[in-house]
Amino acid sequence: MNYNNVTLAAGVWTNLNALGGITTGNAMFVKNLGIVRVRIMQSATQPTGVVGDVLTSLSLPYAHKDIAAGGDDVWVMATHACEIVYAEVV
């Protein structure tokens, strides 16, 4: 896997497919490297508001999510600036 590191700005939805050049619908791995809450969801369009699953590692060194193939684009938003790692799973 080719891992992509990105620092998320607080309160801004980021499309990981567009950012990393990953084809919509391909499987993906996303890891939150900190303890900041990161919202993650799949959507054809940019989400609005505070929606999606929470990806946080308050009790672990990190938190991750495996995204199955066949869905919409993967969007993430952090409550505070933080770093994540993501990759297409082939």
N, C-alpha and C. Protein backbone atom coordinates (compact mmCIF):
# COMPACT_ATOMS: atom_id res chain seq x y z
N MET A 1 0.85 -1.19 0.00
CA MET A 1 0.00 0.00 0.00
C MET A 1 0.89 1.24 0.00
N ASN A 2 0.43 2.25 -0.70
CA ASN A 2 1.09 3.55 -0.66
C ASN A 2 0.32 4.43 0.32
N TYR A 3 0.95 4.72 1.45
CA TYR A 3 0.28 5.51 2.48
C TYR A 3 0.41 7.00 2.19
N ASN A 4 -0.68 7.71 2.44
CA ASN A 4 -0.71 9.17 2.30
C ASN A 4 -0.92 9.78 3.67
N ASN A 5 -0.04 10.68 4.09
CA ASN A 5 -0.22 11.42 5.32
C ASN A 5 -0.84 12.77 4.98
N VAL A 6 -1.78 13.20 5.78
CA VAL A 6 -2.39 14.51 5.57
C VAL A 6 -2.75 15.10 6.93
N THR A 7 -2.56 16.41 7.05
CA THR A 7 -3.01 17.13 8.23
C THR A 7 -4.36 17.74 7.92
N LEU A 8 -5.36 17.38 8.70
CA LEU A 8 -6.71 17.90 8.51
C LEU A 8 -6.87 19.22 9.25
N ALA A 9 -7.49 20.16 8.59
CA ALA A 9 -7.85 21.42 9.25
C ALA A 9 -9.13 21.18 10.06
N ALA A 10 -9.28 21.89 11.14
CA ALA A 10 -10.46 21.73 12.00
C ALA A 10 -11.72 22.18 11.28
N GLY A 11 -12.76 21.34 11.36
CA GLY A 11 -14.08 21.71 10.86
C GLY A 11 -14.25 21.75 9.36
N VAL A 12 -13.32 21.15 8.61
CA VAL A 12 -13.39 21.18 7.14
C VAL A 12 -13.51 19.76 6.62
N TRP A 13 -14.55 19.47 5.85
CA TRP A 13 -14.69 18.16 5.24
C TRP A 13 -13.68 18.01 4.13
N THR A 14 -12.94 16.89 4.12
CA THR A 14 -11.90 16.61 3.13
C THR A 14 -12.24 15.31 2.41
N ASN A 15 -12.24 15.33 1.08
CA ASN A 15 -12.51 14.16 0.27
C ASN A 15 -11.20 13.41 0.05
N LEU A 16 -11.04 12.26 0.70
CA LEU A 16 -9.79 11.51 0.58
C LEU A 16 -9.59 10.90 -0.80
N ASN A 17 -10.68 10.57 -1.48
CA ASN A 17 -10.55 10.04 -2.84
C ASN A 17 -9.94 11.09 -3.76
N ALA A 18 -10.47 12.30 -3.71
CA ALA A 18 -9.97 13.38 -4.57
C ALA A 18 -8.55 13.76 -4.17
N LEU A 19 -8.28 13.84 -2.89
CA LEU A 19 -6.97 14.25 -2.40
C LEU A 19 -5.88 13.25 -2.79
N GLY A 20 -6.18 11.97 -2.71
CA GLY A 20 -5.18 10.94 -2.97
C GLY A 20 -5.24 10.32 -4.34
N GLY A 21 -6.18 10.79 -5.19
CA GLY A 21 -6.31 10.21 -6.52
C GLY A 21 -6.80 8.78 -6.50
N ILE A 22 -7.65 8.46 -5.53
CA ILE A 22 -8.17 7.10 -5.37
C ILE A 22 -9.55 7.03 -6.03
N THR A 23 -9.73 6.05 -6.90
CA THR A 23 -10.98 5.89 -7.62
C THR A 23 -12.13 5.65 -6.64
N THR A 24 -13.24 6.36 -6.86
CA THR A 24 -14.44 6.16 -6.04
C THR A 24 -14.85 4.70 -6.08
N GLY A 25 -15.16 4.15 -4.94
CA GLY A 25 -15.60 2.77 -4.85
C GLY A 25 -14.50 1.78 -4.52
N ASN A 26 -13.25 2.22 -4.57
CA ASN A 26 -12.16 1.31 -4.20
C ASN A 26 -12.03 1.23 -2.69
N ALA A 27 -11.57 0.08 -2.20
CA ALA A 27 -11.39 -0.12 -0.76
C ALA A 27 -10.29 0.81 -0.26
N MET A 28 -10.40 1.20 1.01
CA MET A 28 -9.46 2.15 1.59
C MET A 28 -9.24 1.84 3.07
N PHE A 29 -8.07 2.23 3.57
CA PHE A 29 -7.70 2.11 4.97
C PHE A 29 -7.43 3.52 5.48
N VAL A 30 -8.03 3.89 6.62
CA VAL A 30 -7.85 5.23 7.20
C VAL A 30 -7.44 5.06 8.66
N LYS A 31 -6.38 5.77 9.06
CA LYS A 31 -5.92 5.70 10.45
C LYS A 31 -5.76 7.10 11.02
N ASN A 32 -6.36 7.33 12.18
CA ASN A 32 -6.22 8.58 12.92
C ASN A 32 -4.99 8.44 13.81
N LEU A 33 -4.01 9.31 13.64
CA LEU A 33 -2.76 9.19 14.40
C LEU A 33 -2.79 9.88 15.75
N GLY A 34 -3.87 10.56 16.07
CA GLY A 34 -3.93 11.27 17.34
C GLY A 34 -5.17 10.91 18.13
N ILE A 35 -5.50 11.78 19.09
CA ILE A 35 -6.68 11.55 19.93
C ILE A 35 -7.84 12.47 19.57
N VAL A 36 -7.62 13.34 18.63
CA VAL A 36 -8.68 14.25 18.18
C VAL A 36 -9.77 13.44 17.49
N ARG A 37 -11.01 13.82 17.69
CA ARG A 37 -12.12 13.13 17.02
C ARG A 37 -12.13 13.48 15.53
N VAL A 38 -12.22 12.45 14.72
CA VAL A 38 -12.33 12.62 13.28
C VAL A 38 -13.64 11.97 12.84
N ARG A 39 -14.47 12.71 12.14
CA ARG A 39 -15.70 12.16 11.56
C ARG A 39 -15.35 11.56 10.21
N ILE A 40 -15.90 10.40 9.90
CA ILE A 40 -15.63 9.74 8.64
C ILE A 40 -16.94 9.19 8.09
N MET A 41 -17.15 9.42 6.79
CA MET A 41 -18.36 8.88 6.16
C MET A 41 -18.16 8.77 4.67
N GLN A 42 -19.00 7.99 4.04
CA GLN A 42 -19.00 7.87 2.59
C GLN A 42 -20.19 8.63 2.05
N SER A 43 -19.94 9.44 1.02
CA SER A 43 -21.00 10.25 0.44
C SER A 43 -20.59 10.67 -0.97
N ALA A 44 -21.56 10.77 -1.87
CA ALA A 44 -21.29 11.23 -3.23
C ALA A 44 -21.01 12.72 -3.26
N THR A 45 -21.50 13.45 -2.26
CA THR A 45 -21.30 14.89 -2.18
C THR A 45 -20.75 15.26 -0.81
N GLN A 46 -20.22 16.47 -0.69
CA GLN A 46 -19.66 16.92 0.58
C GLN A 46 -20.72 16.92 1.67
N PRO A 47 -20.46 16.25 2.79
CA PRO A 47 -21.42 16.25 3.89
C PRO A 47 -21.58 17.66 4.49
N THR A 48 -22.69 17.86 5.16
CA THR A 48 -22.91 19.11 5.88
C THR A 48 -23.18 18.79 7.33
N GLY A 49 -22.65 19.61 8.20
CA GLY A 49 -22.88 19.42 9.63
C GLY A 49 -22.00 18.35 10.23
N VAL A 50 -22.38 17.92 11.41
CA VAL A 50 -21.61 16.94 12.17
C VAL A 50 -22.31 15.59 12.00
N VAL A 51 -21.85 14.82 11.03
CA VAL A 51 -22.43 13.52 10.71
C VAL A 51 -21.32 12.50 10.54
N GLY A 52 -21.67 11.24 10.43
CA GLY A 52 -20.69 10.19 10.18
C GLY A 52 -20.23 9.50 11.45
N ASP A 53 -19.42 8.47 11.26
CA ASP A 53 -18.85 7.72 12.37
C ASP A 53 -17.69 8.50 12.99
N VAL A 54 -17.44 8.28 14.28
CA VAL A 54 -16.32 8.92 14.97
C VAL A 54 -15.14 7.96 14.97
N LEU A 55 -13.99 8.49 14.57
CA LEU A 55 -12.74 7.73 14.54
C LEU A 55 -11.79 8.40 15.52
N THR A 56 -11.66 7.82 16.72
CA THR A 56 -10.80 8.42 17.75
C THR A 56 -10.06 7.33 18.51
N SER A 57 -8.98 7.72 19.13
CA SER A 57 -8.14 6.74 19.83
C SER A 57 -7.89 7.16 21.27
N LEU A 58 -8.93 7.52 21.96
CA LEU A 58 -8.77 7.97 23.34
C LEU A 58 -8.18 6.90 24.24
N SER A 59 -8.44 5.64 23.96
CA SER A 59 -7.92 4.57 24.82
C SER A 59 -6.90 3.68 24.12
N LEU A 60 -6.53 4.02 22.88
CA LEU A 60 -5.58 3.22 22.11
C LEU A 60 -4.52 4.13 21.50
N PRO A 61 -3.41 3.57 21.04
CA PRO A 61 -2.39 4.41 20.39
C PRO A 61 -2.88 5.05 19.09
N TYR A 62 -3.84 4.41 18.43
CA TYR A 62 -4.41 4.95 17.20
C TYR A 62 -5.76 4.29 16.95
N ALA A 63 -6.51 4.83 16.02
CA ALA A 63 -7.78 4.24 15.61
C ALA A 63 -7.78 4.15 14.10
N HIS A 64 -8.38 3.09 13.58
CA HIS A 64 -8.43 2.95 12.13
C HIS A 64 -9.79 2.43 11.67
N LYS A 65 -10.02 2.58 10.39
CA LYS A 65 -11.27 2.09 9.79
C LYS A 65 -10.94 1.53 8.42
N ASP A 66 -11.46 0.35 8.15
CA ASP A 66 -11.35 -0.27 6.83
C ASP A 66 -12.62 0.06 6.06
N ILE A 67 -12.46 0.66 4.90
CA ILE A 67 -13.59 1.02 4.04
C ILE A 67 -13.71 -0.05 2.97
N ALA A 68 -14.85 -0.72 2.91
CA ALA A 68 -15.07 -1.76 1.92
C ALA A 68 -15.26 -1.16 0.52
N ALA A 69 -14.92 -1.94 -0.48
CA ALA A 69 -15.09 -1.51 -1.86
C ALA A 69 -16.57 -1.38 -2.19
N GLY A 70 -16.88 -0.51 -3.14
CA GLY A 70 -18.24 -0.40 -3.65
C GLY A 70 -19.05 0.79 -3.16
N GLY A 71 -18.46 1.64 -2.34
CA GLY A 71 -19.21 2.77 -1.80
C GLY A 71 -18.90 4.09 -2.49
N ASP A 72 -19.38 5.16 -1.90
CA ASP A 72 -19.14 6.52 -2.39
C ASP A 72 -17.77 7.00 -1.92
N ASP A 73 -17.45 8.26 -2.23
CA ASP A 73 -16.20 8.87 -1.78
C ASP A 73 -16.12 8.86 -0.26
N VAL A 74 -14.90 8.83 0.26
CA VAL A 74 -14.67 8.84 1.70
C VAL A 74 -14.33 10.27 2.12
N TRP A 75 -15.10 10.79 3.05
CA TRP A 75 -14.93 12.15 3.56
C TRP A 75 -14.54 12.09 5.03
N VAL A 76 -13.65 12.99 5.46
CA VAL A 76 -13.25 13.08 6.87
C VAL A 76 -13.27 14.54 7.32
N MET A 77 -13.54 14.74 8.61
CA MET A 77 -13.50 16.07 9.21
C MET A 77 -13.05 15.94 10.66
N ALA A 78 -12.08 16.74 11.07
CA ALA A 78 -11.55 16.70 12.43
C ALA A 78 -12.13 17.84 13.27
N THR A 79 -12.24 17.60 14.58
CA THR A 79 -12.71 18.65 15.48
C THR A 79 -11.61 19.69 15.72
N HIS A 80 -10.35 19.25 15.65
CA HIS A 80 -9.18 20.12 15.75
C HIS A 80 -8.18 19.62 14.71
N ALA A 81 -7.23 20.44 14.34
CA ALA A 81 -6.23 20.01 13.36
C ALA A 81 -5.56 18.73 13.85
N CYS A 82 -5.39 17.77 12.95
CA CYS A 82 -4.75 16.51 13.32
C CYS A 82 -4.23 15.81 12.07
N GLU A 83 -3.42 14.78 12.29
CA GLU A 83 -2.84 14.04 11.18
C GLU A 83 -3.50 12.67 11.06
N ILE A 84 -3.78 12.30 9.81
CA ILE A 84 -4.27 10.97 9.52
C ILE A 84 -3.41 10.34 8.42
N VAL A 85 -3.51 9.04 8.29
CA VAL A 85 -2.86 8.30 7.23
C VAL A 85 -3.94 7.52 6.51
N TYR A 86 -3.88 7.46 5.19
CA TYR A 86 -4.86 6.68 4.45
C TYR A 86 -4.21 6.06 3.23
N ALA A 87 -4.83 4.99 2.73
CA ALA A 87 -4.28 4.30 1.58
C ALA A 87 -5.38 3.52 0.87
N GLU A 88 -5.21 3.37 -0.42
CA GLU A 88 -6.08 2.50 -1.20
C GLU A 88 -5.66 1.06 -0.93
N VAL A 89 -6.62 0.18 -0.73
CA VAL A 89 -6.33 -1.22 -0.50
C VAL A 89 -6.57 -1.96 -1.81
N VAL A 90 -5.51 -2.55 -2.32
CA VAL A 90 -5.62 -3.27 -3.61
C VAL A 90 -5.38 -4.74 -3.43
